[in-house]
Amino acid sequence: QVQLVESGGGSVQPGGSLRLSCATSGFTFSTSLMSWYRQAPGKGRELVAVITSGGDSRNYADSVKGRFTISRDNAKGTVYLQMNSLRPEDTAVYYCNARENVYTYWGQGTQVTVSS
């Protein structure tokens, strides 16, 4: 059974930091492309960051470049999103996504709220 479980969300003031984690099981994590998406209220789901299976290549949405960092630990089957200098517009539900060959898996999401 495939599982992706996000954690680390919460409420933070502008300028603060959070670290999201996504613990996975049930598929071959080490050969999967891993991504973080987010969905703000009333908006569509958008890609935030993606990391290749070996961690050698990472890409980010323009809106988070220089502030967010995606990383992974293949031994633990976990992907992370370090979020610094958070802004109110970063408020959203953040989802972990895995792509293994033709299959795509999603986590249940974790809420991030940035507000003073």
Protein backbone atom coordinates (compact mmCIF):
# COMPACT_ATOMS: atom_id res chain seq x y z
CA GLN A 1 0.00 0.00 0.00
CA VAL A 2 1.43 3.33 -1.08
CA GLN A 3 1.61 6.00 1.60
CA LEU A 4 2.86 9.58 1.54
CA VAL A 5 2.49 11.34 4.87
CA GLU A 6 3.29 15.03 5.12
CA SER A 7 4.15 16.76 8.38
CA GLY A 8 5.68 20.00 9.61
CA GLY A 9 3.00 22.44 8.58
CA GLY A 10 1.62 25.08 10.90
CA SER A 11 1.22 28.79 11.48
CA VAL A 12 4.15 31.19 11.27
CA GLN A 13 4.69 34.92 11.05
CA PRO A 14 6.00 36.55 7.87
CA GLY A 15 9.73 36.08 7.61
CA GLY A 16 9.62 32.84 9.53
CA SER A 17 10.64 29.33 8.54
CA LEU A 18 9.10 25.87 8.40
CA ARG A 19 10.41 22.50 7.33
CA LEU A 20 7.98 20.09 5.73
CA SER A 21 8.62 16.36 5.61
CA CYS A 22 6.99 13.66 3.53
CA ALA A 23 7.55 10.12 4.72
CA THR A 24 6.79 7.49 2.11
CA SER A 25 6.32 3.74 1.79
CA GLY A 26 4.91 1.18 -0.59
CA PHE A 27 6.81 2.13 -3.73
CA THR A 28 10.41 2.49 -4.89
CA PHE A 29 11.26 5.91 -3.51
CA SER A 30 14.88 5.90 -4.65
CA THR A 31 13.94 5.80 -8.34
CA SER A 32 11.00 8.19 -8.12
CA LEU A 33 10.78 11.85 -9.02
CA MET A 34 9.57 13.73 -5.96
CA SER A 35 7.78 17.07 -5.88
CA TRP A 36 6.00 19.47 -3.60
CA TYR A 37 2.83 21.20 -4.77
CA ARG A 38 0.62 23.69 -3.03
CA GLN A 39 -2.96 24.87 -3.31
CA ALA A 40 -4.14 28.17 -1.91
CA PRO A 41 -7.82 28.83 -1.18
CA GLY A 42 -9.72 29.40 -4.41
CA LYS A 43 -6.73 28.59 -6.59
CA GLY A 44 -5.44 25.64 -8.54
CA ARG A 45 -2.68 23.34 -7.42
CA GLU A 46 0.76 24.62 -8.41
CA LEU A 47 4.17 22.99 -8.56
CA VAL A 48 6.54 24.40 -5.95
CA ALA A 49 9.68 22.28 -6.25
CA VAL A 50 10.87 19.04 -7.81
CA ILE A 51 13.91 16.85 -7.21
CA THR A 52 15.21 13.98 -9.33
CA SER A 53 15.66 10.48 -7.96
CA GLY A 54 19.34 10.91 -7.17
CA GLY A 55 18.91 14.45 -5.89
CA ASP A 56 21.28 15.82 -8.51
CA SER A 57 18.77 18.16 -10.10
CA ARG A 58 16.21 20.47 -8.48
CA ASN A 59 13.81 23.00 -9.90
CA TYR A 60 11.64 25.61 -8.26
CA ALA A 61 8.73 27.85 -9.04
CA ASP A 62 9.89 31.41 -9.61
CA SER A 63 7.86 32.55 -6.61
CA VAL A 64 9.93 30.45 -4.18
CA LYS A 65 13.41 30.51 -5.71
CA GLY A 66 16.03 31.52 -3.20
CA ARG A 67 13.68 30.92 -0.26
CA PHE A 68 12.71 27.23 -0.46
CA THR A 69 14.95 24.19 -0.71
CA ILE A 70 13.85 20.67 -1.62
CA SER A 71 15.94 17.70 -0.51
CA ARG A 72 15.57 13.97 -0.07
CA ASP A 73 16.95 11.08 1.92
CA ASN A 74 16.67 7.92 -0.15
CA ALA A 75 17.69 5.74 2.77
CA LYS A 76 14.72 7.03 4.78
CA GLY A 77 12.27 7.35 1.89
CA THR A 78 11.63 10.94 2.86
CA VAL A 79 11.53 14.22 0.98
CA TYR A 80 11.79 17.62 2.64
CA LEU A 81 10.92 21.20 1.87
CA GLN A 82 12.79 23.85 3.84
CA MET A 83 10.85 27.10 3.62
CA ASN A 84 12.53 30.34 4.69
CA SER A 85 11.48 33.99 4.51
CA LEU A 86 7.86 32.94 4.39
CA ARG A 87 5.29 35.37 3.02
CA PRO A 88 1.51 35.57 3.45
CA GLU A 89 1.15 34.48 -0.19
CA ASP A 90 2.83 31.18 0.71
CA THR A 91 -0.28 30.26 2.69
CA ALA A 92 -1.65 27.03 1.21
CA VAL A 93 -2.05 23.33 1.67
CA TYR A 94 1.23 21.69 0.67
CA TYR A 95 1.17 18.28 -0.98
CA CYS A 96 3.88 15.71 -1.54
CA ASN A 97 3.89 14.01 -4.95
CA ALA A 98 5.73 10.97 -6.24
CA ARG A 99 6.12 9.86 -9.84
CA GLU A 100 7.25 6.29 -10.35
CA ASN A 101 7.23 5.32 -14.02
CA VAL A 102 3.62 5.85 -15.13
CA TYR A 103 2.23 6.05 -11.61
CA THR A 104 1.58 9.18 -9.59
CA TYR A 105 0.96 9.24 -5.86
CA TRP A 106 -0.21 12.07 -3.57
CA GLY A 107 -0.12 12.75 0.13
CA GLN A 108 -3.04 14.13 2.08
CA GLY A 109 -1.51 17.59 2.45
CA THR A 110 -0.35 19.78 5.31
CA GLN A 111 -1.57 23.31 5.99
CA VAL A 112 0.89 26.20 6.05
CA THR A 113 -0.42 29.57 7.22
CA VAL A 114 1.71 32.70 7.14
CA SER A 115 0.12 35.57 9.00
CA SER A 116 0.97 38.30 11.46
